[in-house]
Every structure is written in structure tokens, then in C-alpha cells.
């Protein structure tokens, strides 16, 4: 599914563009995910998980997303560079078609200027417009209070957690928190 380009002005006055990435955005999109993977312990994947992943691989992923009937990806571009990315995936099984899952990642230097709110507003709108979607869910790493505050701002509620979900390189564990928002 394609999210048509939308121009926004961020809290600091910066002009940004929200849109579904195109094939020519593959390099900047891959650079963005690698930056976010390094910057925070709250990202679900580490830079090691991206080892061997190429611009061509990212291009294939973009092509698949653009052709999908069950997912929308929105990337925030500033001066042509991808600085944040989010997605919503609509479930298709006969028992879960009423559900959708969202995810988001933003480069640290762009935190706090409204990108997350702008992208989340569009994700929630996409969920409301998608026939049959009643529940939107997400997961985040416990302790990521900035993300939790964003999710709560949009009406998500904590419903459970999975203890020791992630094992860090230093041997410590992180819990995964599950949140839902009811659209009805």
C-alpha cells in the first residue's frame, strides 16, 4: 500500500516529508535502520542483525511493501535523507483480520521534534480506514519511557509483558511490553 507524500513542519521549524519509500530511497533507508540499530538499546535488532544486508535487499523489501495489500510503510525524510520509519501491518487470517500491528524507529538526533507523533497519527488513520480493523497493537522494550509516552498519547494501553524476552551481549535481559489500542 502506498502512503501518498505529505509535507509537514516539525516543532523546530524543519520541513519534512512523510511518504512510502521508493526504490531510489533504498540506500538512505538502509542507512537509517543501521543508525537506529546502533543508537539505542531499545531497538529490537542490533547492527549485527543487518550484517550482509545490501541496498539491493532493501530495494526488494521496498518493492514488496509498495505492492502489499496488507502493510503501509511511512518514512520521514529531511533534506532527502530517511530519518525515521514506521509501519502498520494488517493481519489477514480469518481469526485475526480485525488486528493490526505497528512499529516505529527514529534516529536519536531527531527525537522530540514531532516526527513520532506525525507518523503515529498517520498509522492510526490508516488503521481506522482499513475495513475490519478493530485493534492495533505494538511491542516495546521495557524502560523505553519516551516510546511508551508516545504510545499512551495515542491511546495505547499496556496489556502484558514477556519477561527476559531479549538477551543482551552483557548477559542481562530486557522485558518486552505489549500494548493495544481499541478503535471501536
N, C-alpha and C. Protein backbone atom coordinates (compact mmCIF):
# COMPACT_ATOMS: atom_id res chain seq x y z
N UNK A 1 0.85 -1.17 0.00
CA UNK A 1 0.00 0.00 0.00
C UNK A 1 0.90 1.24 0.00
N UNK A 2 0.44 2.24 -0.64
CA UNK A 2 1.22 3.46 -0.78
C UNK A 2 0.62 4.57 0.08
N UNK A 3 1.47 5.20 0.89
CA UNK A 3 1.08 6.40 1.61
C UNK A 3 1.56 7.57 0.77
N UNK A 4 0.61 8.35 0.30
CA UNK A 4 0.96 9.48 -0.56
C UNK A 4 1.75 10.53 0.22
N UNK A 5 2.64 11.19 -0.46
CA UNK A 5 3.53 12.18 0.14
C UNK A 5 2.75 13.25 0.90
N UNK A 6 3.23 13.55 2.10
CA UNK A 6 2.65 14.60 2.93
C UNK A 6 3.78 15.44 3.50
N UNK A 7 3.72 16.73 3.27
CA UNK A 7 4.74 17.65 3.80
C UNK A 7 4.29 18.15 5.16
N UNK A 8 5.23 18.16 6.10
CA UNK A 8 4.94 18.63 7.46
C UNK A 8 6.03 19.59 7.92
N UNK A 9 5.70 20.41 8.89
CA UNK A 9 6.69 21.27 9.54
C UNK A 9 6.80 20.79 10.97
N UNK A 10 8.03 20.45 11.36
CA UNK A 10 8.28 19.91 12.69
C UNK A 10 8.36 21.02 13.73
N UNK A 11 8.37 20.65 15.00
CA UNK A 11 8.35 21.62 16.10
C UNK A 11 9.50 22.62 16.04
N UNK A 12 10.64 22.22 15.49
CA UNK A 12 11.79 23.11 15.40
C UNK A 12 11.82 23.92 14.11
N UNK A 13 10.74 23.82 13.31
CA UNK A 13 10.64 24.57 12.06
C UNK A 13 11.18 23.84 10.84
N UNK A 14 11.73 22.66 11.04
CA UNK A 14 12.28 21.87 9.93
C UNK A 14 11.16 21.35 9.04
N UNK A 15 11.37 21.44 7.73
CA UNK A 15 10.45 20.84 6.77
C UNK A 15 10.78 19.37 6.61
N UNK A 16 9.76 18.55 6.59
CA UNK A 16 9.94 17.11 6.43
C UNK A 16 8.88 16.57 5.48
N UNK A 17 9.14 15.40 4.95
CA UNK A 17 8.20 14.73 4.06
C UNK A 17 7.94 13.33 4.61
N UNK A 18 6.67 12.98 4.72
CA UNK A 18 6.26 11.63 5.06
C UNK A 18 5.78 10.97 3.77
N UNK A 19 6.29 9.77 3.49
CA UNK A 19 5.84 9.05 2.30
C UNK A 19 6.30 7.61 2.36
N UNK A 20 5.68 6.78 1.56
CA UNK A 20 6.18 5.41 1.38
C UNK A 20 7.45 5.50 0.56
N UNK A 21 8.51 4.84 1.02
CA UNK A 21 9.77 4.94 0.28
C UNK A 21 9.65 4.35 -1.12
N UNK A 22 10.50 4.87 -1.99
CA UNK A 22 10.59 4.40 -3.37
C UNK A 22 11.92 3.68 -3.56
N UNK A 23 12.07 2.96 -4.65
CA UNK A 23 13.28 2.18 -4.87
C UNK A 23 14.55 3.02 -4.77
N UNK A 24 14.50 4.25 -5.25
CA UNK A 24 15.69 5.10 -5.19
C UNK A 24 16.04 5.53 -3.77
N UNK A 25 15.17 5.23 -2.79
CA UNK A 25 15.43 5.55 -1.39
C UNK A 25 16.09 4.40 -0.64
N UNK A 26 16.41 3.31 -1.32
CA UNK A 26 16.90 2.11 -0.64
C UNK A 26 18.15 2.38 0.20
N UNK A 27 19.12 3.11 -0.32
CA UNK A 27 20.36 3.34 0.43
C UNK A 27 20.10 4.16 1.68
N UNK A 28 19.37 5.26 1.56
CA UNK A 28 19.14 6.09 2.73
C UNK A 28 18.26 5.37 3.76
N UNK A 29 17.37 4.51 3.29
CA UNK A 29 16.53 3.74 4.21
C UNK A 29 17.37 2.72 4.98
N UNK A 30 18.28 2.05 4.28
CA UNK A 30 19.16 1.10 4.94
C UNK A 30 20.11 1.81 5.89
N UNK A 31 20.63 2.95 5.49
CA UNK A 31 21.49 3.74 6.39
C UNK A 31 20.72 4.11 7.66
N UNK A 32 19.46 4.52 7.50
CA UNK A 32 18.64 4.91 8.64
C UNK A 32 18.46 3.76 9.63
N UNK A 33 18.14 2.58 9.13
CA UNK A 33 17.91 1.46 10.04
C UNK A 33 19.20 1.05 10.74
N UNK A 34 20.32 1.16 10.07
CA UNK A 34 21.59 0.83 10.70
C UNK A 34 21.95 1.86 11.77
N UNK A 35 21.65 3.12 11.53
CA UNK A 35 21.89 4.15 12.54
C UNK A 35 21.03 3.90 13.77
N UNK A 36 19.75 3.66 13.56
CA UNK A 36 18.85 3.45 14.71
C UNK A 36 19.21 2.18 15.46
N UNK A 37 19.73 1.17 14.78
CA UNK A 37 20.11 -0.08 15.44
C UNK A 37 21.30 0.13 16.38
N UNK A 38 22.15 1.10 16.07
CA UNK A 38 23.33 1.38 16.89
C UNK A 38 23.00 2.34 18.03
N UNK A 39 22.09 3.26 17.80
CA UNK A 39 21.87 4.37 18.73
C UNK A 39 21.17 4.03 20.03
N UNK A 40 20.36 3.01 20.04
CA UNK A 40 19.57 2.75 21.23
C UNK A 40 19.50 1.27 21.55
N UNK A 41 19.50 0.96 22.82
CA UNK A 41 19.34 -0.42 23.26
C UNK A 41 17.90 -0.88 23.16
N UNK A 42 17.00 0.03 22.80
CA UNK A 42 15.58 -0.30 22.72
C UNK A 42 15.14 -0.78 21.35
N UNK A 43 16.01 -0.71 20.39
CA UNK A 43 15.71 -1.22 19.06
C UNK A 43 15.75 -2.74 19.13
N UNK A 44 14.82 -3.41 18.48
CA UNK A 44 14.73 -4.87 18.61
C UNK A 44 15.84 -5.63 17.88
N UNK A 45 16.53 -4.95 16.98
CA UNK A 45 17.62 -5.60 16.25
C UNK A 45 18.90 -4.81 16.46
N UNK A 46 20.02 -5.51 16.49
CA UNK A 46 21.32 -4.85 16.62
C UNK A 46 21.93 -4.69 15.23
N UNK A 47 23.01 -3.95 15.18
CA UNK A 47 23.71 -3.77 13.90
C UNK A 47 24.18 -5.12 13.35
N UNK A 48 24.48 -6.06 14.23
CA UNK A 48 24.91 -7.40 13.78
C UNK A 48 23.81 -8.08 12.96
N UNK A 49 22.56 -7.79 13.28
CA UNK A 49 21.44 -8.39 12.56
C UNK A 49 21.35 -7.90 11.12
N UNK A 50 22.00 -6.79 10.83
CA UNK A 50 21.96 -6.21 9.48
C UNK A 50 23.20 -6.58 8.66
N UNK A 51 24.09 -7.36 9.26
CA UNK A 51 25.31 -7.82 8.57
C UNK A 51 24.92 -8.52 7.26
N UNK A 52 25.52 -8.10 6.18
CA UNK A 52 25.27 -8.74 4.89
C UNK A 52 24.02 -8.27 4.17
N UNK A 53 23.22 -7.43 4.83
CA UNK A 53 22.02 -6.91 4.19
C UNK A 53 22.43 -5.78 3.26
N UNK A 54 22.05 -5.85 1.99
CA UNK A 54 22.53 -4.92 0.97
C UNK A 54 21.46 -3.91 0.55
N UNK A 55 21.90 -2.91 -0.18
CA UNK A 55 20.98 -1.93 -0.75
C UNK A 55 20.00 -2.64 -1.68
N UNK A 56 20.47 -3.64 -2.39
CA UNK A 56 19.59 -4.41 -3.28
C UNK A 56 18.52 -5.14 -2.47
N UNK A 57 18.91 -5.70 -1.33
CA UNK A 57 17.94 -6.36 -0.45
C UNK A 57 16.89 -5.36 0.03
N UNK A 58 17.35 -4.18 0.39
CA UNK A 58 16.43 -3.13 0.85
C UNK A 58 15.50 -2.72 -0.29
N UNK A 59 16.01 -2.65 -1.50
CA UNK A 59 15.18 -2.33 -2.65
C UNK A 59 14.09 -3.37 -2.87
N UNK A 60 14.43 -4.65 -2.70
CA UNK A 60 13.42 -5.70 -2.82
C UNK A 60 12.35 -5.56 -1.74
N UNK A 61 12.78 -5.23 -0.53
CA UNK A 61 11.82 -5.03 0.56
C UNK A 61 10.89 -3.86 0.23
N UNK A 62 11.44 -2.76 -0.27
CA UNK A 62 10.63 -1.60 -0.65
C UNK A 62 9.62 -2.00 -1.72
N UNK A 63 10.05 -2.73 -2.73
CA UNK A 63 9.14 -3.15 -3.81
C UNK A 63 8.00 -3.99 -3.24
N UNK A 64 8.32 -4.91 -2.33
CA UNK A 64 7.29 -5.75 -1.71
C UNK A 64 6.30 -4.93 -0.91
N UNK A 65 6.81 -3.98 -0.15
CA UNK A 65 5.93 -3.13 0.67
C UNK A 65 5.00 -2.31 -0.22
N UNK A 66 5.55 -1.75 -1.27
CA UNK A 66 4.74 -0.91 -2.16
C UNK A 66 3.63 -1.71 -2.84
N UNK A 67 3.86 -3.00 -3.06
CA UNK A 67 2.87 -3.85 -3.72
C UNK A 67 1.92 -4.54 -2.74
N UNK A 68 2.21 -4.45 -1.46
CA UNK A 68 1.43 -5.16 -0.45
C UNK A 68 0.02 -4.58 -0.29
N UNK A 69 -0.94 -5.46 -0.07
CA UNK A 69 -2.30 -5.04 0.27
C UNK A 69 -2.51 -5.00 1.78
N UNK A 70 -1.50 -5.43 2.54
CA UNK A 70 -1.67 -5.60 3.97
C UNK A 70 -0.69 -4.82 4.83
N UNK A 71 0.06 -3.91 4.23
CA UNK A 71 1.03 -3.14 5.01
C UNK A 71 1.20 -1.75 4.41
N UNK A 72 1.47 -0.81 5.30
CA UNK A 72 1.81 0.55 4.90
C UNK A 72 3.09 0.91 5.63
N UNK A 73 4.07 1.41 4.89
CA UNK A 73 5.31 1.92 5.48
C UNK A 73 5.36 3.41 5.20
N UNK A 74 5.68 4.16 6.25
CA UNK A 74 5.82 5.61 6.11
C UNK A 74 7.22 5.97 6.60
N UNK A 75 7.96 6.66 5.76
CA UNK A 75 9.29 7.11 6.11
C UNK A 75 9.28 8.63 6.20
N UNK A 76 10.00 9.15 7.19
CA UNK A 76 10.17 10.60 7.31
C UNK A 76 11.49 10.98 6.67
N UNK A 77 11.42 11.87 5.70
CA UNK A 77 12.61 12.37 5.01
C UNK A 77 12.84 13.83 5.36
N UNK A 78 14.09 14.15 5.67
CA UNK A 78 14.51 15.54 5.86
C UNK A 78 15.67 15.77 4.91
N UNK A 79 15.52 16.75 4.03
CA UNK A 79 16.54 17.04 3.01
C UNK A 79 16.92 15.78 2.22
N UNK A 80 15.94 14.96 1.92
CA UNK A 80 16.16 13.77 1.11
C UNK A 80 16.70 12.56 1.85
N UNK A 81 17.02 12.71 3.14
CA UNK A 81 17.55 11.61 3.92
C UNK A 81 16.47 11.01 4.81
N UNK A 82 16.41 9.68 4.87
CA UNK A 82 15.48 9.00 5.76
C UNK A 82 15.97 9.16 7.19
N UNK A 83 15.10 9.67 8.07
CA UNK A 83 15.47 9.88 9.48
C UNK A 83 14.57 9.12 10.43
N UNK A 84 13.50 8.55 9.92
CA UNK A 84 12.58 7.78 10.74
C UNK A 84 11.72 6.91 9.85
N UNK A 85 11.21 5.84 10.43
CA UNK A 85 10.43 4.89 9.66
C UNK A 85 9.37 4.28 10.56
N UNK A 86 8.20 4.02 10.01
CA UNK A 86 7.15 3.35 10.78
C UNK A 86 6.35 2.48 9.82
N UNK A 87 5.59 1.55 10.39
CA UNK A 87 4.78 0.69 9.55
C UNK A 87 3.57 0.20 10.30
N UNK A 88 2.58 -0.20 9.54
CA UNK A 88 1.41 -0.89 10.08
C UNK A 88 1.16 -2.09 9.18
N UNK A 89 0.96 -3.24 9.81
CA UNK A 89 0.68 -4.47 9.09
C UNK A 89 -0.69 -4.97 9.51
N UNK A 90 -1.56 -5.16 8.55
CA UNK A 90 -2.92 -5.64 8.81
C UNK A 90 -2.92 -7.16 8.73
N UNK A 91 -3.44 -7.80 9.75
CA UNK A 91 -3.49 -9.26 9.80
C UNK A 91 -4.52 -9.77 8.80
N UNK A 92 -4.31 -10.99 8.29
CA UNK A 92 -5.19 -11.50 7.23
C UNK A 92 -5.91 -12.80 7.57
N UNK A 93 -5.54 -13.47 8.62
CA UNK A 93 -6.20 -14.73 8.96
C UNK A 93 -7.64 -14.52 9.38
N UNK A 94 -8.46 -15.55 9.21
CA UNK A 94 -9.89 -15.42 9.49
C UNK A 94 -10.19 -15.10 10.96
N UNK A 95 -9.28 -15.45 11.86
CA UNK A 95 -9.50 -15.16 13.28
C UNK A 95 -8.78 -13.89 13.75
N UNK A 96 -7.92 -13.34 12.92
CA UNK A 96 -7.14 -12.17 13.35
C UNK A 96 -7.25 -10.97 12.39
N UNK A 97 -8.15 -11.04 11.42
CA UNK A 97 -8.25 -9.96 10.43
C UNK A 97 -8.65 -8.62 11.06
N UNK A 98 -9.12 -8.65 12.29
CA UNK A 98 -9.55 -7.43 12.99
C UNK A 98 -8.37 -6.71 13.67
N UNK A 99 -7.16 -7.21 13.48
CA UNK A 99 -5.98 -6.69 14.17
C UNK A 99 -4.96 -6.11 13.20
N UNK A 100 -4.18 -5.18 13.73
CA UNK A 100 -3.04 -4.62 13.00
C UNK A 100 -1.91 -4.40 14.00
N UNK A 101 -0.70 -4.43 13.50
CA UNK A 101 0.48 -4.22 14.34
C UNK A 101 1.29 -3.06 13.79
N UNK A 102 1.79 -2.20 14.68
CA UNK A 102 2.58 -1.05 14.27
C UNK A 102 3.98 -1.12 14.87
N UNK A 103 4.90 -0.44 14.20
CA UNK A 103 6.27 -0.31 14.68
C UNK A 103 6.84 1.02 14.24
N UNK A 104 7.85 1.52 14.96
CA UNK A 104 8.42 2.82 14.65
C UNK A 104 9.87 2.88 15.11
N UNK A 105 10.70 3.61 14.38
CA UNK A 105 12.09 3.87 14.76
C UNK A 105 12.48 5.23 14.17
N UNK A 106 13.12 6.03 15.00
CA UNK A 106 13.54 7.38 14.60
C UNK A 106 14.98 7.58 15.07
N UNK A 107 15.80 8.19 14.23
CA UNK A 107 17.17 8.50 14.63
C UNK A 107 17.15 9.42 15.85
N UNK A 108 18.06 9.17 16.76
CA UNK A 108 18.09 9.86 18.05
C UNK A 108 18.17 11.39 17.91
N UNK A 109 18.95 11.87 16.96
CA UNK A 109 19.10 13.32 16.84
C UNK A 109 17.80 14.01 16.39
N UNK A 110 16.80 13.22 15.99
CA UNK A 110 15.52 13.77 15.58
C UNK A 110 14.41 13.50 16.59
N UNK A 111 14.76 12.99 17.76
CA UNK A 111 13.76 12.76 18.80
C UNK A 111 13.24 14.09 19.32
N UNK A 112 11.99 14.12 19.69
CA UNK A 112 11.41 15.26 20.39
C UNK A 112 10.97 16.43 19.52
N UNK A 113 10.96 16.27 18.19
CA UNK A 113 10.56 17.39 17.34
C UNK A 113 9.26 17.10 16.57
N UNK A 114 8.59 16.01 16.94
CA UNK A 114 7.26 15.75 16.39
C UNK A 114 7.16 14.70 15.30
N UNK A 115 8.27 14.07 14.94
CA UNK A 115 8.22 13.05 13.88
C UNK A 115 7.38 11.86 14.34
N UNK A 116 7.62 11.38 15.54
CA UNK A 116 6.88 10.23 16.05
C UNK A 116 5.39 10.48 16.08
N UNK A 117 4.99 11.64 16.57
CA UNK A 117 3.56 11.97 16.63
C UNK A 117 2.96 12.07 15.24
N UNK A 118 3.68 12.71 14.32
CA UNK A 118 3.16 12.85 12.95
C UNK A 118 2.98 11.48 12.29
N UNK A 119 3.97 10.61 12.46
CA UNK A 119 3.88 9.29 11.84
C UNK A 119 2.80 8.45 12.52
N UNK A 120 2.72 8.51 13.85
CA UNK A 120 1.71 7.71 14.55
C UNK A 120 0.30 8.15 14.20
N UNK A 121 0.10 9.43 14.02
CA UNK A 121 -1.22 9.93 13.61
C UNK A 121 -1.63 9.30 12.28
N UNK A 122 -0.69 9.21 11.35
CA UNK A 122 -0.98 8.62 10.05
C UNK A 122 -1.22 7.11 10.15
N UNK A 123 -0.47 6.42 11.02
CA UNK A 123 -0.69 4.99 11.21
C UNK A 123 -2.08 4.72 11.77
N UNK A 124 -2.49 5.51 12.76
CA UNK A 124 -3.82 5.33 13.35
C UNK A 124 -4.90 5.63 12.32
N UNK A 125 -4.70 6.67 11.52
CA UNK A 125 -5.66 6.97 10.45
C UNK A 125 -5.76 5.82 9.46
N UNK A 126 -4.62 5.23 9.10
CA UNK A 126 -4.64 4.08 8.18
C UNK A 126 -5.41 2.91 8.80
N UNK A 127 -5.23 2.70 10.09
CA UNK A 127 -5.95 1.61 10.77
C UNK A 127 -7.45 1.87 10.76
N UNK A 128 -7.85 3.11 11.00
CA UNK A 128 -9.27 3.45 11.02
C UNK A 128 -9.90 3.30 9.64
N UNK A 129 -9.12 3.57 8.59
CA UNK A 129 -9.63 3.48 7.23
C UNK A 129 -9.63 2.06 6.69
N UNK A 130 -8.87 1.18 7.31
CA UNK A 130 -8.77 -0.20 6.82
C UNK A 130 -9.98 -1.00 7.30
N UNK A 131 -10.76 -1.50 6.37
CA UNK A 131 -12.00 -2.20 6.69
C UNK A 131 -11.75 -3.38 7.63
N UNK A 132 -12.47 -3.40 8.72
CA UNK A 132 -12.44 -4.51 9.66
C UNK A 132 -11.44 -4.39 10.79
N UNK A 133 -10.54 -3.41 10.74
CA UNK A 133 -9.54 -3.28 11.80
C UNK A 133 -10.18 -2.69 13.06
N UNK A 134 -10.06 -3.42 14.15
CA UNK A 134 -10.63 -3.02 15.44
C UNK A 134 -9.57 -2.78 16.50
N UNK A 135 -8.46 -3.52 16.42
CA UNK A 135 -7.43 -3.45 17.45
C UNK A 135 -6.08 -3.22 16.78
N UNK A 136 -5.31 -2.29 17.33
CA UNK A 136 -3.95 -2.05 16.88
C UNK A 136 -3.04 -2.39 18.05
N UNK A 137 -1.98 -3.15 17.78
CA UNK A 137 -1.08 -3.50 18.87
C UNK A 137 0.37 -3.17 18.52
N UNK A 138 1.19 -3.18 19.53
CA UNK A 138 2.62 -2.91 19.37
C UNK A 138 3.36 -3.51 20.54
N UNK A 139 4.66 -3.59 20.38
CA UNK A 139 5.53 -4.07 21.44
C UNK A 139 6.71 -3.10 21.57
N UNK A 140 7.20 -2.96 22.81
CA UNK A 140 8.39 -2.14 23.03
C UNK A 140 9.19 -2.72 24.18
N UNK A 141 10.45 -2.33 24.25
CA UNK A 141 11.34 -2.81 25.30
C UNK A 141 11.07 -2.02 26.58
N UNK A 142 10.83 -2.76 27.66
CA UNK A 142 10.58 -2.11 28.95
C UNK A 142 11.72 -1.16 29.29
N UNK A 143 11.35 0.00 29.79
CA UNK A 143 12.33 1.04 30.10
C UNK A 143 12.38 2.13 29.05
N UNK A 144 11.82 1.88 27.89
CA UNK A 144 11.79 2.88 26.82
C UNK A 144 10.61 3.82 27.10
N UNK A 145 10.81 4.69 28.07
CA UNK A 145 9.73 5.55 28.54
C UNK A 145 9.31 6.60 27.53
N UNK A 146 10.23 7.05 26.67
CA UNK A 146 9.87 8.00 25.61
C UNK A 146 8.86 7.37 24.65
N UNK A 147 9.15 6.14 24.24
CA UNK A 147 8.23 5.44 23.33
C UNK A 147 6.90 5.19 24.02
N UNK A 148 6.95 4.73 25.26
CA UNK A 148 5.72 4.45 26.00
C UNK A 148 4.84 5.70 26.08
N UNK A 149 5.44 6.84 26.35
CA UNK A 149 4.68 8.10 26.43
C UNK A 149 4.01 8.42 25.09
N UNK A 150 4.71 8.20 23.98
CA UNK A 150 4.13 8.42 22.65
C UNK A 150 2.94 7.50 22.44
N UNK A 151 3.09 6.24 22.76
CA UNK A 151 2.03 5.27 22.55
C UNK A 151 0.81 5.60 23.42
N UNK A 152 1.05 5.98 24.66
CA UNK A 152 -0.06 6.35 25.55
C UNK A 152 -0.76 7.61 25.06
N UNK A 153 -0.01 8.53 24.49
CA UNK A 153 -0.60 9.75 23.92
C UNK A 153 -1.64 9.41 22.85
N UNK A 154 -1.42 8.30 22.15
CA UNK A 154 -2.34 7.87 21.09
C UNK A 154 -3.33 6.81 21.57
N UNK A 155 -3.44 6.63 22.87
CA UNK A 155 -4.48 5.78 23.43
C UNK A 155 -4.13 4.32 23.61
N UNK A 156 -2.87 3.96 23.47
CA UNK A 156 -2.46 2.57 23.70
C UNK A 156 -2.36 2.30 25.19
N UNK A 157 -2.72 1.08 25.58
CA UNK A 157 -2.68 0.65 26.98
C UNK A 157 -1.84 -0.62 27.09
N UNK A 158 -1.04 -0.71 28.16
CA UNK A 158 -0.26 -1.92 28.43
C UNK A 158 -1.22 -3.03 28.80
N UNK A 159 -1.06 -4.19 28.16
CA UNK A 159 -1.90 -5.34 28.49
C UNK A 159 -1.09 -6.54 29.00
N UNK A 160 0.21 -6.58 28.71
CA UNK A 160 1.02 -7.68 29.22
C UNK A 160 2.49 -7.39 28.96
N UNK A 161 3.33 -8.27 29.51
CA UNK A 161 4.76 -8.21 29.20
C UNK A 161 5.31 -9.62 29.12
N UNK A 162 6.41 -9.74 28.40
CA UNK A 162 7.10 -11.02 28.26
C UNK A 162 8.47 -10.86 28.93
N UNK A 163 8.64 -11.50 30.09
CA UNK A 163 9.90 -11.35 30.83
C UNK A 163 11.08 -11.94 30.05
N UNK A 164 12.23 -11.28 30.21
CA UNK A 164 13.50 -11.77 29.66
C UNK A 164 13.42 -12.08 28.18
N UNK A 165 12.70 -11.26 27.44
CA UNK A 165 12.48 -11.51 26.02
C UNK A 165 13.76 -11.36 25.21
N UNK A 166 14.53 -10.30 25.50
CA UNK A 166 15.79 -10.04 24.81
C UNK A 166 16.95 -10.35 25.74
N UNK A 167 17.99 -10.98 25.20
CA UNK A 167 19.21 -11.19 25.96
C UNK A 167 20.30 -10.32 25.35
N UNK A 168 20.86 -9.46 26.17
CA UNK A 168 21.85 -8.51 25.71
C UNK A 168 23.24 -9.16 25.68
N UNK A 169 24.17 -8.50 24.98
CA UNK A 169 25.53 -9.03 24.88
C UNK A 169 26.20 -9.18 26.24
N UNK A 170 25.81 -8.33 27.19
CA UNK A 170 26.42 -8.40 28.53
C UNK A 170 25.76 -9.45 29.42
N UNK A 171 24.80 -10.20 28.88
CA UNK A 171 24.16 -11.25 29.64
C UNK A 171 22.90 -10.85 30.38
N UNK A 172 22.60 -9.54 30.39
CA UNK A 172 21.37 -9.09 31.05
C UNK A 172 20.18 -9.29 30.12
N UNK A 173 18.99 -9.19 30.70
CA UNK A 173 17.77 -9.40 29.94
C UNK A 173 16.92 -8.13 29.93
N UNK A 174 16.08 -8.02 28.90
CA UNK A 174 15.11 -6.95 28.81
C UNK A 174 13.74 -7.56 28.58
N UNK A 175 12.73 -7.00 29.25
CA UNK A 175 11.36 -7.45 29.08
C UNK A 175 10.74 -6.77 27.87
N UNK A 176 9.81 -7.45 27.23
CA UNK A 176 9.06 -6.89 26.12
C UNK A 176 7.65 -6.57 26.62
N UNK A 177 7.20 -5.34 26.37
CA UNK A 177 5.88 -4.90 26.81
C UNK A 177 4.94 -4.86 25.62
N UNK A 178 3.73 -5.38 25.81
CA UNK A 178 2.72 -5.45 24.75
C UNK A 178 1.62 -4.45 25.07
N UNK A 179 1.25 -3.62 24.07
CA UNK A 179 0.19 -2.61 24.23
C UNK A 179 -0.84 -2.78 23.13
N UNK A 180 -2.07 -2.34 23.43
CA UNK A 180 -3.15 -2.37 22.45
C UNK A 180 -3.91 -1.05 22.47
N UNK A 181 -4.53 -0.77 21.34
CA UNK A 181 -5.48 0.34 21.22
C UNK A 181 -6.71 -0.20 20.52
N UNK A 182 -7.87 0.05 21.11
CA UNK A 182 -9.14 -0.36 20.51
C UNK A 182 -9.68 0.83 19.71
N UNK A 183 -10.01 0.57 18.45
CA UNK A 183 -10.51 1.64 17.58
C UNK A 183 -12.01 1.85 17.70
N UNK A 184 -12.73 0.89 18.23
CA UNK A 184 -14.19 0.98 18.31
C UNK A 184 -14.64 1.91 19.41
